[in-house]
Amino acid sequence: MTNSTFRIRRPSLNDAQAVCDLVAACDTEDLGAPDIVLDDVLDMWSGFDLDHNVWVVEDTDLSLIGYAFLEEDSEEKLFSYGCVLPAARGRGVGASLVKSLEARASELRNATGVPKRLQGMIPTLCEDAVRLFEAQGFAPVRYFKRMGIRLDTEPAAAILPEGFTIEPFMKGRDEQAVHEAYVESFADHWDFAVPPFEKWAEKTLLPTFEERWWLIARDPNGDVAGFALGRMREDLLFIEQVGVRRPFRGRGLALALLQCLFRASYHAGQMLVSLGVDATNPSGAYRLYEKAGMKSDYAISIYEKPFTLLAE
């Protein structure tokens, strides 16, 4: 797609650093600080269809001023993200990216014969993005918080229930058990779709994966009771998921897992830890993270638009 002042095209791996820089500039404008590193882009793109589900926007000088991707989360749910360089906003770049996302959603609906829900993630306080989505027929469906903590002093040691242990994940041994615990723990979460084991396990094959940042809590019988799955970045330790199987909830396992990750991060020299949480999670996750000393940094809104089957 072309415009008199910009052009939308497909990216190549050579664009990864420029995309990282673009998203970082948008984060700084909308969230107050960058929230991405190059490894994040490379990890995501390793699982994306760059020829059909990712777009970049070039300005007349060939610099990148826009970016969007679509992820096929499940048979009927599509998740997307997009951003526009602050200096290039107001030129229709965002609207063009949304149209590209919508066209792809329609294409996938028509190809599969399955209705789709296209979701988009935007900063809650970004009024331009809110207006754009609402003008295109998207409606807000959920709100998330990004929370963080700075470890200025050594975190206290975790206190575990009697007979329980916490240990690092081991590749080749723990994939199936942790996947099963993940599915069980998140089954009652909003909009959860069970990931196929093979797709879920792909993250353990990424170059950035380190076993020591995936912690497992085991019950006295050695079964997986809970987990905290982290990923060390250049700028912080990001905790991707924390879960406890229903029979083991209410015993302090989630807090203990967090505390163990905090201590490990502190001793590795990384004082910043961050995670995202559903602001209305019925399990009380937000309160748990506050109890662990984390504070809200910013809010994210999830907007959604349905793509129903065409009438025959």
Protein backbone atom coordinates (compact mmCIF):
# COMPACT_ATOMS: atom_id res chain seq x y z
CA MET A 1 0.00 0.00 0.00
CA THR A 2 1.29 3.41 -0.91
CA ASN A 3 0.40 6.96 0.06
CA SER A 4 1.69 10.23 -1.32
CA THR A 5 3.87 10.63 1.77
CA PHE A 6 4.48 7.08 3.03
CA ARG A 7 4.53 3.44 1.95
CA ILE A 8 3.45 0.26 3.77
CA ARG A 9 5.53 -2.82 3.08
CA ARG A 10 6.52 -6.16 4.58
CA PRO A 11 9.58 -6.21 6.83
CA SER A 12 12.72 -8.32 6.64
CA LEU A 13 15.02 -9.28 9.48
CA ASN A 14 17.20 -6.34 8.44
CA ASP A 15 14.44 -4.05 9.76
CA ALA A 16 14.48 -5.50 13.28
CA GLN A 17 16.69 -2.84 14.86
CA ALA A 18 14.79 0.01 13.20
CA VAL A 19 11.50 -1.47 14.43
CA CYS A 20 12.93 -1.78 17.94
CA ASP A 21 13.99 1.87 17.84
CA LEU A 22 10.57 2.91 16.54
CA VAL A 23 8.66 1.05 19.26
CA ALA A 24 11.05 2.43 21.90
CA ALA A 25 10.33 5.97 20.71
CA CYS A 26 6.59 5.31 20.89
CA ASP A 27 6.93 3.77 24.37
CA THR A 28 8.84 6.82 25.57
CA GLU A 29 6.12 9.13 24.27
CA ASP A 30 3.13 7.10 25.46
CA LEU A 31 4.40 5.23 28.53
CA GLY A 32 7.25 7.37 29.79
CA ALA A 33 10.10 4.95 29.04
CA PRO A 34 11.10 2.31 26.45
CA ASP A 35 9.71 -1.17 27.04
CA ILE A 36 11.44 -3.16 24.31
CA VAL A 37 14.87 -4.47 23.34
CA LEU A 38 16.10 -6.00 20.08
CA ASP A 39 15.80 -9.57 21.39
CA ASP A 40 12.08 -8.97 21.95
CA VAL A 41 11.58 -8.18 18.27
CA LEU A 42 13.69 -11.13 17.12
CA ASP A 43 11.92 -13.53 19.49
CA MET A 44 8.48 -12.40 18.30
CA TRP A 45 9.40 -12.45 14.64
CA SER A 46 10.74 -15.99 14.92
CA GLY A 47 7.13 -17.09 15.36
CA PHE A 48 5.45 -14.61 13.00
CA ASP A 49 4.53 -14.88 9.33
CA LEU A 50 6.44 -11.81 8.18
CA ASP A 51 5.00 -12.03 4.67
CA HIS A 52 1.37 -11.85 5.76
CA ASN A 53 1.03 -10.71 9.39
CA VAL A 54 3.59 -7.93 9.87
CA TRP A 55 3.76 -4.43 8.34
CA VAL A 56 6.17 -1.50 8.47
CA VAL A 57 5.63 2.02 7.16
CA GLU A 58 8.37 3.93 5.35
CA ASP A 59 8.54 7.70 5.12
CA THR A 60 9.77 9.44 1.96
CA ASP A 61 13.36 9.22 3.27
CA LEU A 62 12.91 5.42 3.79
CA SER A 63 13.00 5.75 7.59
CA LEU A 64 10.41 3.69 9.48
CA ILE A 65 7.51 5.64 10.97
CA GLY A 66 4.97 2.88 11.61
CA TYR A 67 4.75 -0.78 12.56
CA ALA A 68 2.05 -3.37 13.20
CA PHE A 69 1.71 -7.11 13.62
CA LEU A 70 -1.13 -9.61 13.85
CA GLU A 71 -0.84 -12.86 15.80
CA GLU A 72 -3.21 -15.79 15.26
CA ASP A 73 -3.79 -16.62 18.92
CA SER A 74 -6.47 -19.24 18.35
CA GLU A 75 -8.89 -20.41 15.70
CA GLU A 76 -11.09 -17.35 16.23
CA LYS A 77 -8.99 -14.79 18.13
CA LEU A 78 -6.47 -12.49 16.46
CA PHE A 79 -4.22 -10.25 18.54
CA SER A 80 -2.55 -7.15 17.15
CA TYR A 81 -0.29 -4.27 18.08
CA GLY A 82 0.70 -1.17 16.19
CA CYS A 83 2.47 2.13 16.72
CA VAL A 84 3.33 5.32 14.86
CA LEU A 85 6.39 7.48 15.42
CA PRO A 86 5.26 10.49 17.48
CA ALA A 87 6.59 12.99 14.92
CA ALA A 88 4.63 11.25 12.14
CA ARG A 89 1.25 11.14 13.86
CA GLY A 90 -1.70 12.90 12.28
CA ARG A 91 -0.77 11.85 8.73
CA GLY A 92 -3.02 8.80 8.48
CA VAL A 93 -0.30 6.23 9.18
CA GLY A 94 -2.20 4.66 12.07
CA ALA A 95 -5.45 4.51 10.10
CA SER A 96 -3.64 2.79 7.22
CA LEU A 97 -2.16 0.20 9.58
CA VAL A 98 -5.56 -0.51 11.13
CA LYS A 99 -7.01 -0.99 7.65
CA SER A 100 -4.23 -3.47 6.88
CA LEU A 101 -4.99 -5.38 10.09
CA GLU A 102 -8.69 -5.42 9.29
CA ALA A 103 -8.07 -6.61 5.74
CA ARG A 104 -5.96 -9.47 7.05
CA ALA A 105 -8.62 -10.39 9.62
CA SER A 106 -11.24 -10.50 6.85
CA GLU A 107 -8.92 -12.58 4.70
CA LEU A 108 -8.38 -15.12 7.49
CA ARG A 109 -12.12 -15.27 8.21
CA ASN A 110 -12.90 -15.93 4.56
CA ALA A 111 -10.14 -18.52 4.18
CA THR A 112 -11.10 -20.51 7.28
CA GLY A 113 -14.86 -20.02 7.37
CA VAL A 114 -14.53 -19.14 11.05
CA PRO A 115 -15.63 -15.79 12.55
CA LYS A 116 -12.74 -13.78 13.96
CA ARG A 117 -12.24 -11.35 16.82
CA LEU A 118 -9.50 -8.82 16.14
CA GLN A 119 -7.99 -7.43 19.33
CA GLY A 120 -5.63 -4.48 19.56
CA MET A 121 -3.48 -3.31 22.45
CA ILE A 122 -3.02 0.42 23.09
CA PRO A 123 -1.86 2.61 25.99
CA THR A 124 -4.99 3.54 27.95
CA LEU A 125 -4.03 7.22 28.09
CA CYS A 126 -3.14 7.52 24.39
CA GLU A 127 -6.15 9.53 23.24
CA ASP A 128 -5.24 9.45 19.54
CA ALA A 129 -5.20 5.64 19.53
CA VAL A 130 -8.47 5.48 21.47
CA ARG A 131 -10.19 7.77 18.97
CA LEU A 132 -8.79 5.81 16.03
CA PHE A 133 -9.96 2.44 17.33
CA GLU A 134 -13.40 3.68 18.33
CA ALA A 135 -13.87 5.36 14.94
CA GLN A 136 -13.13 2.01 13.29
CA GLY A 137 -15.71 0.15 15.37
CA PHE A 138 -13.45 -1.31 18.05
CA ALA A 139 -14.68 -1.37 21.66
CA PRO A 140 -12.71 -1.75 24.91
CA VAL A 141 -13.00 -5.21 26.46
CA ARG A 142 -10.26 -5.41 29.12
CA TYR A 143 -7.67 -3.37 30.98
CA PHE A 144 -4.21 -4.45 32.09
CA LYS A 145 -1.58 -2.92 34.34
CA ARG A 146 2.17 -3.02 33.92
CA MET A 147 3.80 -3.32 37.34
CA GLY A 148 7.42 -3.09 38.42
CA ILE A 149 9.78 -3.05 41.35
CA ARG A 150 13.30 -1.76 41.90
CA LEU A 151 15.32 -4.02 44.19
CA ASP A 152 17.34 -1.48 46.16
CA THR A 153 18.14 -4.02 48.87
CA GLU A 154 18.45 -7.79 48.90
CA PRO A 155 14.95 -9.32 48.87
CA ALA A 156 13.94 -11.46 51.81
CA ALA A 157 14.20 -15.21 51.42
CA ALA A 158 10.96 -16.94 50.45
CA ILE A 159 9.03 -18.90 53.07
CA LEU A 160 7.58 -22.10 51.61
CA PRO A 161 4.82 -24.34 52.96
CA GLU A 162 6.22 -27.44 54.63
CA GLY A 163 7.27 -30.08 52.13
CA PHE A 164 7.23 -27.76 49.10
CA THR A 165 10.34 -26.85 47.11
CA ILE A 166 11.25 -24.38 44.38
CA GLU A 167 13.78 -25.24 41.70
CA PRO A 168 14.74 -24.12 38.17
CA PHE A 169 13.08 -25.61 35.12
CA MET A 170 15.06 -28.33 33.32
CA LYS A 171 14.77 -28.70 29.55
CA GLY A 172 13.95 -32.20 28.41
CA ARG A 173 12.31 -33.02 31.74
CA ASP A 174 9.75 -30.39 32.69
CA GLU A 175 8.09 -29.14 29.50
CA GLN A 176 5.00 -31.36 29.60
CA ALA A 177 4.35 -30.98 33.34
CA VAL A 178 4.74 -27.20 33.29
CA HIS A 179 2.52 -26.88 30.21
CA GLU A 180 -0.19 -28.89 31.96
CA ALA A 181 0.15 -26.74 35.08
CA TYR A 182 -0.01 -23.61 32.94
CA VAL A 183 -3.23 -24.71 31.23
CA GLU A 184 -4.82 -25.66 34.56
CA SER A 185 -3.72 -22.45 36.29
CA PHE A 186 -4.93 -20.11 33.55
CA ALA A 187 -8.13 -21.96 32.61
CA ASP A 188 -10.27 -19.47 34.53
CA HIS A 189 -8.50 -16.37 33.20
CA TRP A 190 -10.22 -13.98 30.82
CA ASP A 191 -10.12 -15.00 27.15
CA PHE A 192 -7.64 -17.82 27.76
CA ALA A 193 -6.98 -20.09 24.79
CA VAL A 194 -5.10 -23.33 25.37
CA PRO A 195 -1.86 -23.21 23.35
CA PRO A 196 -0.85 -26.47 21.65
CA PHE A 197 2.03 -28.02 23.54
CA GLU A 198 4.41 -27.81 20.58
CA LYS A 199 3.76 -24.10 20.06
CA TRP A 200 4.00 -23.33 23.78
CA ALA A 201 7.29 -25.24 24.08
CA GLU A 202 8.87 -23.23 21.24
CA LYS A 203 9.75 -20.48 23.72
CA THR A 204 12.17 -22.87 25.44
CA LEU A 205 14.07 -23.10 22.14
CA LEU A 206 14.62 -19.37 21.72
CA PRO A 207 18.22 -18.09 22.00
CA THR A 208 17.15 -15.83 24.88
CA PHE A 209 15.70 -18.67 26.97
CA GLU A 210 17.48 -19.47 30.23
CA GLU A 211 16.32 -22.25 32.54
CA ARG A 212 17.25 -20.34 35.69
CA TRP A 213 14.52 -17.75 35.08
CA TRP A 214 11.79 -20.37 34.94
CA LEU A 215 11.05 -21.51 38.48
CA ILE A 216 8.89 -24.48 39.48
CA ALA A 217 7.22 -25.06 42.84
CA ARG A 218 6.80 -28.75 43.66
CA ASP A 219 4.52 -30.35 46.23
CA PRO A 220 5.76 -33.00 48.69
CA ASN A 221 5.16 -35.67 46.02
CA GLY A 222 7.34 -33.84 43.49
CA ASP A 223 4.45 -32.75 41.27
CA VAL A 224 4.35 -29.24 39.78
CA ALA A 225 2.19 -27.04 42.02
CA GLY A 226 3.06 -23.67 40.53
CA PHE A 227 5.51 -21.77 38.36
CA ALA A 228 6.97 -18.35 37.61
CA LEU A 229 8.31 -17.95 34.07
CA GLY A 230 10.72 -15.08 33.56
CA ARG A 231 12.91 -13.74 30.79
CA MET A 232 16.01 -11.67 31.43
CA ARG A 233 16.33 -8.68 29.13
CA GLU A 234 19.10 -6.12 28.84
CA ASP A 235 17.12 -3.65 30.92
CA LEU A 236 15.08 -5.78 33.35
CA LEU A 237 13.78 -9.19 34.33
CA PHE A 238 10.34 -9.60 32.79
CA ILE A 239 8.05 -12.15 34.45
CA GLU A 240 5.81 -13.51 31.72
CA GLN A 241 3.56 -15.76 33.79
CA VAL A 242 2.95 -16.71 37.41
CA GLY A 243 0.52 -19.53 38.11
CA VAL A 244 -0.52 -21.89 40.87
CA ARG A 245 -2.72 -24.92 40.30
CA ARG A 246 -6.09 -24.60 42.02
CA PRO A 247 -5.54 -27.29 44.72
CA PHE A 248 -2.43 -25.44 45.93
CA ARG A 249 -3.76 -21.88 46.03
CA GLY A 250 -3.95 -19.91 49.26
CA ARG A 251 -0.66 -21.27 50.63
CA GLY A 252 1.66 -18.44 49.59
CA LEU A 253 3.27 -20.28 46.68
CA ALA A 254 2.86 -17.45 44.17
CA LEU A 255 4.46 -14.96 46.56
CA ALA A 256 7.29 -17.39 47.28
CA LEU A 257 7.93 -17.89 43.56
CA LEU A 258 8.06 -14.13 43.05
CA GLN A 259 10.43 -13.67 45.96
CA CYS A 260 12.75 -16.36 44.60
CA LEU A 261 12.86 -14.64 41.21
CA PHE A 262 13.47 -11.27 42.87
CA ARG A 263 16.42 -12.67 44.83
CA ALA A 264 17.86 -14.39 41.76
CA SER A 265 17.57 -11.19 39.73
CA TYR A 266 19.18 -9.14 42.51
CA HIS A 267 22.13 -11.53 42.77
CA ALA A 268 22.50 -11.47 38.97
CA GLY A 269 22.89 -7.69 39.16
CA GLN A 270 19.52 -6.80 37.63
CA MET A 271 17.57 -4.60 40.03
CA LEU A 272 14.50 -3.99 37.86
CA VAL A 273 11.68 -6.54 37.62
CA SER A 274 8.45 -6.08 35.69
CA LEU A 275 5.28 -7.93 34.71
CA GLY A 276 1.81 -7.40 33.28
CA VAL A 277 -1.46 -8.23 35.04
CA ASP A 278 -5.16 -8.20 34.23
CA ALA A 279 -6.49 -5.31 36.31
CA THR A 280 -9.73 -7.21 37.03
CA ASN A 281 -8.24 -10.68 37.52
CA PRO A 282 -10.60 -12.54 39.90
CA SER A 283 -7.72 -14.48 41.48
CA GLY A 284 -6.42 -11.33 43.19
CA ALA A 285 -3.16 -11.28 41.23
CA TYR A 286 -2.96 -7.47 41.33
CA ARG A 287 -3.15 -7.48 45.13
CA LEU A 288 -0.56 -10.25 45.28
CA TYR A 289 1.93 -8.22 43.25
CA GLU A 290 1.30 -5.19 45.44
CA LYS A 291 2.00 -7.36 48.48
CA ALA A 292 5.29 -8.36 46.85
CA GLY A 293 6.21 -4.66 46.66
CA MET A 294 5.39 -4.00 43.01
CA LYS A 295 3.73 -0.78 41.85
CA SER A 296 1.69 0.12 38.79
CA ASP A 297 3.70 1.85 36.04
CA TYR A 298 1.02 2.32 33.38
CA ALA A 299 -2.24 0.91 32.00
CA ILE A 300 -2.96 -0.90 28.73
CA SER A 301 -6.37 -1.28 27.09
CA ILE A 302 -7.47 -4.17 24.91
CA TYR A 303 -9.92 -3.19 22.17
CA GLU A 304 -11.83 -5.67 20.03
CA LYS A 305 -13.78 -5.78 16.77
CA PRO A 306 -15.75 -8.79 15.50
CA PHE A 307 -15.45 -10.10 11.95
CA THR A 308 -18.53 -12.25 11.48
CA LEU A 309 -19.19 -14.62 8.61
CA LEU A 310 -20.60 -13.03 5.49
CA ALA A 311 -24.24 -13.80 4.73
CA GLU A 312 -24.60 -16.41 2.03
